[in-house]
Amino acid sequence: MPDRTARDIEPPLRLLPWTTPDGKPCYLSSGDAGSRLNRRADEVEAVQLNMGTELLAHARALLDDRKTHAGELRYLAHRLTEALRDALRIAESRGERLVADDGGAGHADAGAPRGPGVP
């Protein structure tokens, strides 16, 4: 029997925005988007994305300052790597939920909000 994916399980598993202590992904099995743990995961995602946005602004300032030391840039690179990892995990989780909500029949971006000039 082939391995099942998070989308194959009913209700589909939600990839959470944190990992186990040894770095493995955590999943939530709940069909209730308003459950306490789902709401907590939403809050953590919002914090992670906000931290990434603030870090990006800080990075721009550090990179514009010619007096920034190599150690500061290495530290910045580590934090940016963490922020990117978090953002990619959030994107993966949200993409999987979009596909699950669409019954897997549509595109991953089906139902995604559209901005100005986006068809």
C-alpha atoms as a PDB file:
ATOM      1  CA  MET A   1       0.000   0.000   0.000  1.00  0.00           C
ATOM      2  CA  PRO A   2       1.492   3.397  -0.946  1.00  0.00           C
ATOM      3  CA  ASP A   3       2.290   5.927   1.739  1.00  0.00           C
ATOM      4  CA  ARG A   4      -0.578   8.261   2.521  1.00  0.00           C
ATOM      5  CA  THR A   5      -0.070  12.011   2.447  1.00  0.00           C
ATOM      6  CA  ALA A   6      -1.625  14.616   4.689  1.00  0.00           C
ATOM      7  CA  ARG A   7      -4.218  15.278   1.952  1.00  0.00           C
ATOM      8  CA  ASP A   8      -5.273  11.621   1.839  1.00  0.00           C
ATOM      9  CA  ILE A   9      -6.481  11.592   5.447  1.00  0.00           C
ATOM     10  CA  GLU A  10      -9.987  12.704   6.382  1.00  0.00           C
ATOM     11  CA  PRO A  11     -10.191  15.331   7.664  1.00  0.00           C
ATOM     12  CA  PRO A  12      -6.987  16.473   5.927  1.00  0.00           C
ATOM     13  CA  LEU A  13      -4.070  17.106   8.266  1.00  0.00           C
ATOM     14  CA  ARG A  14      -2.927  20.672   8.822  1.00  0.00           C
ATOM     15  CA  LEU A  15       0.805  21.307   8.789  1.00  0.00           C
ATOM     16  CA  LEU A  16       1.440  23.337  11.928  1.00  0.00           C
ATOM     17  CA  PRO A  17       3.853  26.286  12.055  1.00  0.00           C
ATOM     18  CA  TRP A  18       6.168  24.531  14.515  1.00  0.00           C
ATOM     19  CA  THR A  19       8.169  21.315  14.602  1.00  0.00           C
ATOM     20  CA  THR A  20       8.989  18.602  17.108  1.00  0.00           C
ATOM     21  CA  PRO A  21      12.155  19.080  19.195  1.00  0.00           C
ATOM     22  CA  ASP A  22      14.060  16.983  16.639  1.00  0.00           C
ATOM     23  CA  GLY A  23      12.824  19.125  13.703  1.00  0.00           C
ATOM     24  CA  LYS A  24      10.078  16.890  12.332  1.00  0.00           C
ATOM     25  CA  PRO A  25       6.837  18.485  11.096  1.00  0.00           C
ATOM     26  CA  CYS A  26       3.781  18.580  13.346  1.00  0.00           C
ATOM     27  CA  TYR A  27       0.283  18.014  11.981  1.00  0.00           C
ATOM     28  CA  LEU A  28      -3.193  18.614  13.359  1.00  0.00           C
ATOM     29  CA  SER A  29      -6.138  16.389  12.550  1.00  0.00           C
ATOM     30  CA  SER A  30      -9.205  18.559  12.996  1.00  0.00           C
ATOM     31  CA  GLY A  31     -12.046  19.382  10.681  1.00  0.00           C
ATOM     32  CA  ASP A  32     -12.888  22.366  12.890  1.00  0.00           C
ATOM     33  CA  ALA A  33     -11.061  25.446  11.572  1.00  0.00           C
ATOM     34  CA  GLY A  34     -12.209  27.310  14.694  1.00  0.00           C
ATOM     35  CA  SER A  35     -10.748  24.824  17.167  1.00  0.00           C
ATOM     36  CA  ARG A  36      -8.481  26.127  19.899  1.00  0.00           C
ATOM     37  CA  LEU A  37      -5.345  24.580  18.387  1.00  0.00           C
ATOM     38  CA  ASN A  38      -6.225  25.794  14.880  1.00  0.00           C
ATOM     39  CA  ARG A  39      -6.688  29.320  16.224  1.00  0.00           C
ATOM     40  CA  ARG A  40      -3.347  29.066  18.069  1.00  0.00           C
ATOM     41  CA  ALA A  41      -1.616  27.916  14.872  1.00  0.00           C
ATOM     42  CA  ASP A  42      -3.161  30.890  13.028  1.00  0.00           C
ATOM     43  CA  GLU A  43      -1.821  33.218  15.747  1.00  0.00           C
ATOM     44  CA  VAL A  44       1.679  31.702  15.551  1.00  0.00           C
ATOM     45  CA  GLU A  45       1.662  32.031  11.757  1.00  0.00           C
ATOM     46  CA  ALA A  46       0.685  35.702  12.062  1.00  0.00           C
ATOM     47  CA  VAL A  47       3.509  36.331  14.548  1.00  0.00           C
ATOM     48  CA  GLN A  48       6.020  34.521  12.329  1.00  0.00           C
ATOM     49  CA  LEU A  49       5.009  36.498   9.233  1.00  0.00           C
ATOM     50  CA  ASN A  50       5.092  39.782  11.171  1.00  0.00           C
ATOM     51  CA  MET A  51       8.546  38.957  12.532  1.00  0.00           C
ATOM     52  CA  GLY A  52       9.723  38.196   8.989  1.00  0.00           C
ATOM     53  CA  THR A  53       8.417  41.547   7.780  1.00  0.00           C
ATOM     54  CA  GLU A  54      10.185  43.395  10.606  1.00  0.00           C
ATOM     55  CA  LEU A  55      13.380  41.418  10.017  1.00  0.00           C
ATOM     56  CA  LEU A  56      13.308  42.323   6.332  1.00  0.00           C
ATOM     57  CA  ALA A  57      13.129  46.034   7.206  1.00  0.00           C
ATOM     58  CA  HIS A  58      16.023  45.576   9.645  1.00  0.00           C
ATOM     59  CA  ALA A  59      18.003  43.713   6.974  1.00  0.00           C
ATOM     60  CA  ARG A  60      17.559  46.569   4.512  1.00  0.00           C
ATOM     61  CA  ALA A  61      18.886  49.023   7.097  1.00  0.00           C
ATOM     62  CA  LEU A  62      21.890  46.837   7.948  1.00  0.00           C
ATOM     63  CA  LEU A  63      22.755  46.261   4.301  1.00  0.00           C
ATOM     64  CA  ASP A  64      22.576  49.986   3.563  1.00  0.00           C
ATOM     65  CA  ASP A  65      25.022  50.719   6.420  1.00  0.00           C
ATOM     66  CA  ARG A  66      28.561  50.289   5.131  1.00  0.00           C
ATOM     67  CA  LYS A  67      29.821  50.061   8.742  1.00  0.00           C
ATOM     68  CA  THR A  68      27.923  46.819   9.413  1.00  0.00           C
ATOM     69  CA  HIS A  69      30.339  44.125  10.602  1.00  0.00           C
ATOM     70  CA  ALA A  70      30.591  40.620   9.136  1.00  0.00           C
ATOM     71  CA  GLY A  71      29.352  39.091  12.414  1.00  0.00           C
ATOM     72  CA  GLU A  72      26.192  41.188  12.254  1.00  0.00           C
ATOM     73  CA  LEU A  73      25.612  40.093   8.668  1.00  0.00           C
ATOM     74  CA  ARG A  74      26.080  36.413   9.575  1.00  0.00           C
ATOM     75  CA  TYR A  75      23.597  36.799  12.426  1.00  0.00           C
ATOM     76  CA  LEU A  76      21.202  38.518  10.022  1.00  0.00           C
ATOM     77  CA  ALA A  77      21.619  35.698   7.494  1.00  0.00           C
ATOM     78  CA  HIS A  78      20.719  33.123  10.158  1.00  0.00           C
ATOM     79  CA  ARG A  79      17.589  35.040  11.190  1.00  0.00           C
ATOM     80  CA  LEU A  80      16.554  35.583   7.555  1.00  0.00           C
ATOM     81  CA  THR A  81      17.001  31.855   6.933  1.00  0.00           C
ATOM     82  CA  GLU A  82      14.709  31.085   9.875  1.00  0.00           C
ATOM     83  CA  ALA A  83      12.119  33.607   8.683  1.00  0.00           C
ATOM     84  CA  LEU A  84      12.186  32.157   5.165  1.00  0.00           C
ATOM     85  CA  ARG A  85      11.806  28.623   6.544  1.00  0.00           C
ATOM     86  CA  ASP A  86       8.781  29.742   8.572  1.00  0.00           C
ATOM     87  CA  ALA A  87       7.215  31.557   5.611  1.00  0.00           C
ATOM     88  CA  LEU A  88       7.698  28.534   3.341  1.00  0.00           C
ATOM     89  CA  ARG A  89       6.111  26.224   5.949  1.00  0.00           C
ATOM     90  CA  ILE A  90       3.143  28.595   6.225  1.00  0.00           C
ATOM     91  CA  ALA A  91       2.806  28.722   2.432  1.00  0.00           C
ATOM     92  CA  GLU A  92       2.936  24.925   2.221  1.00  0.00           C
ATOM     93  CA  SER A  93       0.327  24.555   4.960  1.00  0.00           C
ATOM     94  CA  ARG A  94      -2.017  27.095   3.413  1.00  0.00           C
ATOM     95  CA  GLY A  95      -1.557  25.608  -0.054  1.00  0.00           C
ATOM     96  CA  GLU A  96      -2.436  22.141   1.215  1.00  0.00           C
ATOM     97  CA  ARG A  97      -5.550  23.515   2.903  1.00  0.00           C
ATOM     98  CA  LEU A  98      -6.629  25.292  -0.296  1.00  0.00           C
ATOM     99  CA  VAL A  99      -6.319  22.050  -2.251  1.00  0.00           C
ATOM    100  CA  ALA A 100      -8.164  20.138   0.490  1.00  0.00           C
ATOM    101  CA  ASP A 101     -10.949  22.754   0.594  1.00  0.00           C
ATOM    102  CA  ASP A 102     -11.275  22.473  -3.178  1.00  0.00           C
ATOM    103  CA  GLY A 103     -11.567  18.693  -2.917  1.00  0.00           C
ATOM    104  CA  GLY A 104      -8.223  18.360  -4.669  1.00  0.00           C
ATOM    105  CA  ALA A 105      -9.918  18.953  -8.021  1.00  0.00           C
ATOM    106  CA  GLY A 106      -8.801  22.511  -8.623  1.00  0.00           C
ATOM    107  CA  HIS A 107      -5.578  24.388  -8.593  1.00  0.00           C
ATOM    108  CA  ALA A 108      -3.701  25.122  -5.383  1.00  0.00           C
ATOM    109  CA  ASP A 109      -4.491  28.806  -5.836  1.00  0.00           C
ATOM    110  CA  ALA A 110      -8.223  28.262  -6.288  1.00  0.00           C
ATOM    111  CA  GLY A 111     -10.094  30.602  -4.018  1.00  0.00           C
ATOM    112  CA  ALA A 112      -6.952  32.593  -3.183  1.00  0.00           C
ATOM    113  CA  PRO A 113      -7.562  36.282  -2.709  1.00  0.00           C
ATOM    114  CA  ARG A 114      -6.768  38.309  -5.805  1.00  0.00           C
ATOM    115  CA  GLY A 115      -5.099  41.695  -5.712  1.00  0.00           C
ATOM    116  CA  PRO A 116      -5.386  44.551  -8.183  1.00  0.00           C
ATOM    117  CA  GLY A 117      -4.222  43.536 -11.633  1.00  0.00           C
ATOM    118  CA  VAL A 118      -4.165  39.811 -10.768  1.00  0.00           C
ATOM    119  CA  PRO A 119      -6.426  37.778 -13.077  1.00  0.00           C
END
